[in-house]
Amino acid sequence: MALRGIVPLAARALRGAVRVLSVGLALSVASRAAADEPAVLRVVMPSCDAAAFDVDLFGKLITLELHSDGVERVDLVVDRPAMDAASPGAVATITLGASPCTAEAREIDVVIVDELTRKTVERRLTVVDLAPGARPRVIALSVAELLRASWSELRMPDAPKGFPVPTAVRLASMDLEHRRSAPVLVPPLPPPSTPPPSPMWHAGAALEARFFPTYGSTVLGPDVVLSIGSADRVPLRLRLDAEALFGTSYDPLGSISVKLVAFGAAVVLAHHTGPIDVEVGPRLEIGWGAASGNAASTTTISGSGSTAIVDASAVLALRVALFDAYWASFASDFGGVLHGLDAQADARKAAGFGGPIAGAAIGLGRTF
C-alpha cells in the first residue's frame, strides 16, 4: 500500500520538475536570442535638420566610429512619431539638440538613454568656434566617447541589468584593445571654411527728411545711395548719394515753397558682420536750393530766389539683411549749413536752408 502511494507522488513531482526546466530553458534561449540580435542605435536629430551641422556626414561618422564597439546600425530620426516607430529594440537612444537651432548654433546638447545599463547621461558641447565642416566629426567623436563611458560599466561584475547585451557589444566592452586595433575609415577633416566676403556694392533708395530748426523748414523727398567697398581688408567705403527734397513753410503773410536738389559724398568707416552692416563718417553735400513766396493777399508782394547750398555733417547708416541680397536701411546725419538760403517775410526768417541741420532716411536696397 505504501509503495503504491509513493509512486504517483514521485511521478507528479517529476512532471513538475520537467515543466520548470522547460520554462527555464525557454527563457534562457529567448535571452540568448535577444543577446544575439544586432546592436542598433537610435539618434534623434535636431528639428532644424541640417542647419546646425551636416546630418548625413554625422550619420556616416558615428556609424563608422561605433562599429568597433559592436554597433551594427545607426538609425537617424527627426521627429517624435518617427522615433517611436524606428528601431524599437535599440540599445540606446541619443537625442541631439542645437541652441539656437540654426546655422549659427553655439551649443549642441547630447542626451543618451542607455538601455543596456539603464542610465541617462547628458553633455553640452560648445561648437561656436568650430567651422561648419568640422562640426559633424567633433559631435560624432564626443557622442561615441560618451556612449563608451556608459558601456564601460558592462565590464563590472555587478553591472546593471538592462536589456540583454548583444554579443558584439559585450565582446567589445570586454576587449579594451578591440576598438584601438580595429580599422576605422574616417573621412579627412574638411579644411576650415572662411566667411564669405562682404558685398562690394550697396545700392538703395530711401525716403529722406531734413530739418532746419533755425528756419523751421522741413523738406521731404526721395534719396538714392551708393556705397562702394567691401570693408574686408580696409574698413573704409565711399558713400555717394543724391536727393530731391521739397517742403512748404507757412507765415501770416502767406506760404513759401522750398526745394533742395543736392549731391553728397562721404568717406565712412564700415563694418559688416552677419546680417548687420554699419557705416559712420563725415559727409559733405553740395546742391541748389530755391524758395518761392505765395502771398496770402493781393496787397503783399511775393518773390523767389535760389542759391548754392553747401553743408557738412556726420552720417550714421545701418543696414539689416532681409532675404537674398536685399536689406532694409536707416540713416541719419547731423551737421550745419556752410552756405545757405534765407527767405524772409516782413524781415522775419520765414523759410530757408541755414544753421544746424538734421536728417533721417529709411529705405530698401540690394548688394552686389
Protein backbone atom coordinates (compact mmCIF):
# COMPACT_ATOMS: atom_id res chain seq x y z
CA MET A 1 0.00 0.00 0.00
CA ALA A 2 2.72 2.46 0.97
CA LEU A 3 4.65 1.72 -2.20
CA ARG A 4 1.58 2.20 -4.39
CA GLY A 5 1.00 5.70 -2.81
CA ILE A 6 4.59 6.85 -3.25
CA VAL A 7 4.80 6.09 -7.00
CA PRO A 8 2.06 8.59 -8.08
CA LEU A 9 3.58 11.30 -5.88
CA ALA A 10 7.00 10.76 -7.45
CA ALA A 11 5.50 10.89 -10.94
CA ARG A 12 3.76 14.19 -10.24
CA ALA A 13 6.98 15.66 -8.80
CA LEU A 14 8.93 14.54 -11.87
CA ARG A 15 6.39 16.14 -14.25
CA GLY A 16 6.62 19.46 -12.26
CA ALA A 17 10.40 19.45 -12.46
CA VAL A 18 10.25 18.84 -16.22
CA ARG A 19 7.91 21.85 -16.63
CA VAL A 20 10.20 24.12 -14.58
CA LEU A 21 13.23 23.05 -16.57
CA SER A 22 11.34 23.63 -19.84
CA VAL A 23 10.33 27.16 -18.85
CA GLY A 24 13.86 27.95 -17.66
CA LEU A 25 15.34 26.58 -20.89
CA ALA A 26 12.89 28.63 -22.96
CA LEU A 27 13.76 31.81 -21.07
CA SER A 28 17.46 31.11 -21.46
CA VAL A 29 17.06 30.54 -25.19
CA ALA A 30 14.97 33.74 -25.52
CA SER A 31 17.56 35.73 -23.59
CA ARG A 32 20.39 34.31 -25.69
CA ALA A 33 18.43 35.05 -28.88
CA ALA A 34 17.86 38.64 -27.74
CA ALA A 35 21.55 39.00 -26.91
CA ASP A 36 22.42 37.75 -30.38
CA GLU A 37 20.27 40.43 -32.05
CA PRO A 38 22.32 43.07 -33.94
CA ALA A 39 23.03 46.18 -31.87
CA VAL A 40 21.03 49.12 -33.23
CA LEU A 41 21.45 52.73 -32.11
CA ARG A 42 18.68 55.34 -32.44
CA VAL A 43 19.71 59.01 -32.91
CA VAL A 44 17.09 61.77 -32.76
CA MET A 45 18.35 64.75 -34.75
CA PRO A 46 17.57 68.45 -34.04
CA SER A 47 14.40 69.87 -35.54
CA CYS A 48 16.49 72.29 -37.64
CA ASP A 49 17.81 69.23 -39.51
CA ALA A 50 20.98 70.14 -41.42
CA ALA A 51 21.05 73.83 -40.49
CA ALA A 52 23.20 73.38 -37.36
CA PHE A 53 25.52 70.72 -38.90
CA ASP A 54 25.70 68.23 -41.78
CA VAL A 55 23.35 65.44 -40.66
CA ASP A 56 24.30 62.96 -43.39
CA LEU A 57 28.01 63.27 -42.67
CA PHE A 58 27.38 62.93 -38.92
CA GLY A 59 25.40 59.69 -39.53
CA LYS A 60 28.26 58.16 -41.52
CA LEU A 61 30.89 59.19 -38.98
CA ILE A 62 29.01 57.95 -35.88
CA THR A 63 28.31 54.61 -37.64
CA LEU A 64 31.99 54.13 -38.50
CA GLU A 65 33.14 55.28 -35.07
CA LEU A 66 30.91 52.86 -33.12
CA HIS A 67 31.30 49.88 -35.45
CA SER A 68 34.24 48.59 -33.41
CA ASP A 69 32.08 48.85 -30.28
CA GLY A 70 29.58 46.35 -31.63
CA VAL A 71 27.02 48.77 -33.09
CA GLU A 72 25.90 47.41 -36.43
CA ARG A 73 23.36 50.06 -37.45
CA VAL A 74 22.54 53.68 -36.61
CA ASP A 75 19.01 54.93 -37.33
CA LEU A 76 18.61 58.71 -37.72
CA VAL A 77 15.15 60.13 -37.00
CA VAL A 78 14.00 63.74 -36.89
CA ASP A 79 10.64 63.76 -35.07
CA ARG A 80 8.75 62.01 -32.28
CA PRO A 81 6.47 59.77 -34.42
CA ALA A 82 9.47 58.58 -36.40
CA MET A 83 11.41 57.97 -33.18
CA ASP A 84 8.62 55.81 -31.73
CA ALA A 85 8.40 53.73 -34.91
CA ALA A 86 12.12 53.38 -35.64
CA SER A 87 14.38 50.68 -34.16
CA PRO A 88 12.14 49.52 -31.27
CA GLY A 89 14.93 47.29 -29.91
CA ALA A 90 17.62 49.96 -29.90
CA VAL A 91 20.35 49.51 -27.31
CA ALA A 92 20.43 53.28 -26.74
CA THR A 93 18.60 56.45 -27.82
CA ILE A 94 20.70 59.56 -28.41
CA THR A 95 18.91 62.90 -28.68
CA LEU A 96 20.72 65.91 -30.13
CA GLY A 97 19.54 69.49 -29.67
CA ALA A 98 21.03 72.69 -31.13
CA SER A 99 20.94 76.13 -29.47
CA PRO A 100 19.92 78.10 -31.41
CA CYS A 101 18.55 75.65 -33.95
CA THR A 102 20.10 77.47 -36.92
CA ALA A 103 23.35 77.60 -38.85
CA GLU A 104 24.59 79.96 -36.10
CA ALA A 105 24.28 77.23 -33.43
CA ARG A 106 26.54 77.84 -30.43
CA GLU A 107 25.91 74.65 -28.41
CA ILE A 108 24.82 71.06 -29.03
CA ASP A 109 23.03 69.22 -26.20
CA VAL A 110 23.56 65.43 -26.10
CA VAL A 111 21.24 63.16 -24.08
CA ILE A 112 21.89 59.39 -24.11
CA VAL A 113 19.29 56.97 -22.72
CA ASP A 114 21.29 53.73 -22.37
CA GLU A 115 19.04 50.66 -22.32
CA LEU A 116 21.93 48.28 -21.52
CA THR A 117 22.90 49.98 -18.24
CA ARG A 118 19.51 51.61 -17.52
CA LYS A 119 21.18 55.01 -17.26
CA THR A 120 20.80 58.50 -18.77
CA VAL A 121 23.85 60.68 -19.39
CA GLU A 122 23.99 64.25 -20.72
CA ARG A 123 26.61 66.59 -22.09
CA ARG A 124 26.65 70.07 -23.66
CA LEU A 125 29.12 70.66 -26.50
CA THR A 126 30.31 74.15 -27.46
CA VAL A 127 30.58 74.46 -31.25
CA VAL A 128 30.50 78.24 -31.75
CA ASP A 129 34.23 78.30 -32.59
CA LEU A 130 34.07 75.34 -34.99
CA ALA A 131 33.84 75.72 -38.75
CA PRO A 132 30.59 74.20 -40.12
CA GLY A 133 32.56 71.48 -41.92
CA ALA A 134 34.25 70.35 -38.68
CA ARG A 135 31.10 70.08 -36.54
CA PRO A 136 29.88 66.61 -37.67
CA ARG A 137 33.20 64.94 -36.81
CA VAL A 138 33.60 66.63 -33.43
CA ILE A 139 29.99 65.82 -32.45
CA ALA A 140 30.34 62.19 -33.62
CA LEU A 141 33.55 61.67 -31.61
CA SER A 142 32.03 63.25 -28.49
CA VAL A 143 28.85 61.15 -28.72
CA ALA A 144 30.89 57.96 -29.21
CA GLU A 145 33.09 58.65 -26.19
CA LEU A 146 30.06 59.43 -24.03
CA LEU A 147 28.38 56.15 -25.02
CA ARG A 148 31.59 54.19 -24.39
CA ALA A 149 31.84 55.72 -20.92
CA SER A 150 28.32 54.47 -20.18
CA TRP A 151 29.04 50.98 -21.57
CA SER A 152 32.25 50.69 -19.56
CA GLU A 153 30.06 49.51 -16.65
CA LEU A 154 29.34 46.30 -18.59
CA ARG A 155 32.81 45.09 -17.60
CA MET A 156 31.98 45.30 -13.90
CA PRO A 157 30.89 42.16 -12.03
CA ASP A 158 27.82 43.95 -10.65
CA ALA A 159 26.89 45.62 -13.95
CA PRO A 160 23.30 46.96 -14.10
CA LYS A 161 20.78 44.56 -15.58
CA GLY A 162 19.01 46.15 -18.55
CA PHE A 163 18.25 44.73 -21.97
CA PRO A 164 20.16 41.57 -22.92
CA VAL A 165 23.55 42.80 -24.11
CA PRO A 166 24.24 41.97 -27.78
CA THR A 167 27.20 39.68 -28.13
CA ALA A 168 29.19 42.12 -30.27
CA VAL A 169 28.77 44.88 -27.69
CA ARG A 170 29.74 42.59 -24.81
CA LEU A 171 32.88 41.39 -26.60
CA ALA A 172 33.86 44.96 -27.47
CA SER A 173 33.35 46.13 -23.88
CA MET A 174 35.48 43.28 -22.54
CA ASP A 175 38.34 43.77 -25.02
CA LEU A 176 39.91 47.14 -24.22
CA GLU A 177 42.19 46.98 -27.26
CA HIS A 178 39.45 45.94 -29.66
CA ARG A 179 38.50 49.47 -30.65
CA ARG A 180 42.11 50.61 -30.95
CA SER A 181 43.14 47.79 -33.28
CA ALA A 182 40.03 47.79 -35.47
CA PRO A 183 40.43 49.82 -38.66
CA VAL A 184 38.02 52.76 -38.78
CA LEU A 185 37.86 54.68 -42.02
CA VAL A 186 37.05 58.28 -41.15
CA PRO A 187 36.88 60.88 -43.93
CA PRO A 188 39.53 63.59 -43.62
CA LEU A 189 38.54 66.74 -41.80
CA PRO A 190 37.38 69.39 -44.29
CA PRO A 191 39.56 72.49 -44.48
CA PRO A 192 38.38 75.34 -42.25
CA SER A 193 35.79 77.42 -44.01
CA THR A 194 36.25 81.14 -44.38
CA PRO A 195 33.35 83.53 -44.10
CA PRO A 196 32.11 84.86 -47.43
CA PRO A 197 33.39 88.34 -48.32
CA SER A 198 31.11 91.24 -47.64
CA PRO A 199 29.48 92.74 -50.74
CA MET A 200 31.39 95.32 -52.79
CA TRP A 201 28.44 97.42 -53.93
CA HIS A 202 25.46 98.63 -51.90
CA ALA A 203 22.73 100.45 -53.82
CA GLY A 204 19.44 101.62 -52.38
CA ALA A 205 16.57 104.09 -52.45
CA ALA A 206 15.07 105.80 -49.42
CA LEU A 207 12.58 108.39 -48.25
CA GLU A 208 14.53 111.22 -46.63
CA ALA A 209 13.51 114.12 -44.40
CA ARG A 210 15.73 117.10 -43.48
CA PHE A 211 15.01 119.66 -40.81
CA PHE A 212 16.48 123.17 -40.48
CA PRO A 213 15.45 124.36 -36.98
CA THR A 214 16.68 127.95 -37.48
CA TYR A 215 14.03 128.49 -40.14
CA GLY A 216 11.55 125.86 -39.06
CA SER A 217 11.80 124.37 -42.56
CA THR A 218 11.30 120.66 -43.25
CA VAL A 219 11.82 119.12 -46.67
CA LEU A 220 10.93 115.58 -47.73
CA GLY A 221 11.67 113.50 -50.83
CA PRO A 222 13.48 110.59 -52.49
CA ASP A 223 17.12 109.79 -51.95
CA VAL A 224 19.36 107.29 -53.77
CA VAL A 225 22.56 105.94 -52.20
CA LEU A 226 25.58 104.03 -53.50
CA SER A 227 28.31 102.61 -51.20
CA ILE A 228 31.49 101.29 -52.78
CA GLY A 229 33.90 98.98 -50.93
CA SER A 230 33.72 95.61 -49.17
CA ALA A 231 35.40 96.67 -45.88
CA ASP A 232 37.02 93.21 -45.55
CA ARG A 233 40.65 94.33 -45.55
CA VAL A 234 40.33 98.11 -45.32
CA PRO A 235 37.33 99.22 -43.21
CA LEU A 236 36.58 102.19 -45.46
CA ARG A 237 33.90 102.85 -48.06
CA LEU A 238 32.99 105.69 -50.39
CA ARG A 239 29.35 106.65 -49.87
CA LEU A 240 27.61 108.73 -52.57
CA ASP A 241 24.02 109.97 -52.53
CA ALA A 242 21.67 112.24 -54.45
CA GLU A 243 18.40 113.74 -53.20
CA ALA A 244 15.50 115.91 -54.32
CA LEU A 245 13.61 117.36 -51.34
CA PHE A 246 10.53 119.56 -51.20
CA GLY A 247 8.63 121.40 -48.49
CA THR A 248 6.38 124.34 -47.61
CA SER A 249 6.68 126.84 -44.76
CA TYR A 250 3.74 128.96 -43.59
CA ASP A 251 3.67 132.60 -42.39
CA PRO A 252 0.86 135.06 -41.59
CA LEU A 253 1.63 136.78 -44.89
CA GLY A 254 1.40 133.57 -46.94
CA SER A 255 3.42 130.45 -47.68
CA ILE A 256 6.90 129.77 -49.02
CA SER A 257 7.68 126.71 -51.13
CA VAL A 258 11.24 125.43 -50.85
CA LYS A 259 13.15 122.73 -52.69
CA LEU A 260 16.64 121.31 -52.45
CA VAL A 261 18.48 119.21 -55.02
CA ALA A 262 21.87 118.07 -53.75
CA PHE A 263 24.66 115.54 -54.09
CA GLY A 264 26.60 114.20 -51.09
CA ALA A 265 29.83 112.30 -50.64
CA ALA A 266 31.32 110.67 -47.54
CA VAL A 267 34.30 108.52 -46.66
CA VAL A 268 32.97 106.23 -43.94
CA LEU A 269 34.28 103.61 -41.58
CA ALA A 270 32.39 100.39 -42.35
CA HIS A 271 31.84 97.11 -40.52
CA HIS A 272 29.98 94.05 -41.78
CA THR A 273 29.04 91.13 -39.51
CA GLY A 274 26.33 88.57 -40.16
CA PRO A 275 23.11 90.37 -41.20
CA ILE A 276 24.27 93.79 -39.92
CA ASP A 277 26.23 96.43 -41.84
CA VAL A 278 27.23 99.76 -40.28
CA GLU A 279 28.77 102.91 -41.79
CA VAL A 280 29.81 106.10 -39.98
CA GLY A 281 31.85 109.11 -41.10
CA PRO A 282 31.96 112.75 -42.29
CA ARG A 283 29.78 113.87 -45.20
CA LEU A 284 29.94 116.93 -47.49
CA GLU A 285 26.91 117.99 -49.52
CA ILE A 286 26.67 120.47 -52.41
CA GLY A 287 23.43 121.37 -54.11
CA TRP A 288 20.98 124.04 -55.25
CA GLY A 289 18.20 125.46 -53.11
CA ALA A 290 15.26 127.59 -54.15
CA ALA A 291 12.42 129.39 -52.37
CA SER A 292 9.25 130.86 -53.84
CA GLY A 293 6.76 133.02 -51.94
CA ASN A 294 2.98 132.79 -52.28
CA ALA A 295 1.23 135.87 -50.83
CA ALA A 296 -1.98 135.42 -48.87
CA SER A 297 -3.42 138.72 -50.20
CA THR A 298 -3.05 140.92 -53.25
CA THR A 299 -1.53 143.70 -51.17
CA THR A 300 1.50 141.57 -50.30
CA ILE A 301 4.40 141.41 -52.69
CA SER A 302 5.97 137.95 -53.15
CA GLY A 303 9.18 136.87 -54.77
CA SER A 304 11.53 133.96 -55.31
CA GLY A 305 15.22 133.20 -55.15
CA SER A 306 17.79 130.43 -55.36
CA THR A 307 21.41 129.85 -54.50
CA ALA A 308 24.04 127.15 -53.93
CA ILE A 309 23.70 125.14 -50.73
CA VAL A 310 26.75 123.66 -49.00
CA ASP A 311 26.59 121.75 -45.72
CA ALA A 312 28.78 119.37 -43.71
CA SER A 313 27.57 116.64 -41.36
CA ALA A 314 28.34 113.30 -39.74
CA VAL A 315 26.39 110.35 -41.13
CA LEU A 316 25.43 107.05 -39.48
CA ALA A 317 23.94 104.32 -41.69
CA LEU A 318 22.64 100.92 -40.59
CA ARG A 319 21.61 98.04 -42.88
CA VAL A 320 19.82 94.84 -41.86
CA ALA A 321 19.64 91.84 -44.23
CA LEU A 322 16.13 90.73 -45.19
CA PHE A 323 16.43 87.92 -47.77
CA ASP A 324 18.81 87.00 -50.58
CA ALA A 325 20.81 90.18 -51.31
CA TYR A 326 18.13 92.64 -50.16
CA TRP A 327 18.24 94.70 -46.97
CA ALA A 328 16.45 97.44 -45.06
CA SER A 329 18.33 100.62 -44.21
CA PHE A 330 18.18 103.52 -41.80
CA ALA A 331 20.46 106.57 -41.98
CA SER A 332 20.76 109.80 -40.04
CA ASP A 333 23.08 112.80 -40.20
CA PHE A 334 23.70 115.89 -38.07
CA GLY A 335 25.69 118.97 -39.01
CA GLY A 336 25.45 122.56 -40.20
CA VAL A 337 24.96 124.65 -43.32
CA LEU A 338 28.09 126.40 -44.64
CA HIS A 339 26.34 128.38 -47.39
CA GLY A 340 22.56 128.61 -47.36
CA LEU A 341 19.38 130.33 -48.48
CA ASP A 342 17.49 132.93 -46.41
CA ALA A 343 13.82 133.53 -47.24
CA GLN A 344 12.14 136.31 -45.22
CA ALA A 345 8.63 137.62 -44.67
CA ASP A 346 8.40 141.20 -43.36
CA ALA A 347 12.08 140.96 -42.24
CA ARG A 348 11.39 137.68 -40.41
CA LYS A 349 13.15 134.40 -41.16
CA ALA A 350 10.24 132.53 -42.65
CA ALA A 351 11.95 129.69 -44.56
CA GLY A 352 15.29 128.65 -45.95
CA PHE A 353 18.33 126.49 -45.53
CA GLY A 354 20.82 127.53 -42.87
CA GLY A 355 22.12 126.93 -39.35
CA PRO A 356 22.01 123.43 -37.82
CA ILE A 357 20.72 120.56 -39.91
CA ALA A 358 19.35 117.09 -39.05
CA GLY A 359 18.29 114.37 -41.44
CA ALA A 360 16.85 110.86 -41.39
CA ALA A 361 16.12 108.33 -44.12
CA ILE A 362 14.56 104.87 -44.27
CA GLY A 363 14.62 102.65 -47.33
CA LEU A 364 15.39 99.39 -49.13
CA GLY A 365 18.38 98.29 -51.16
CA ARG A 366 20.40 95.47 -52.66
CA THR A 367 24.01 94.35 -52.52
CA PHE A 368 26.13 93.25 -55.49
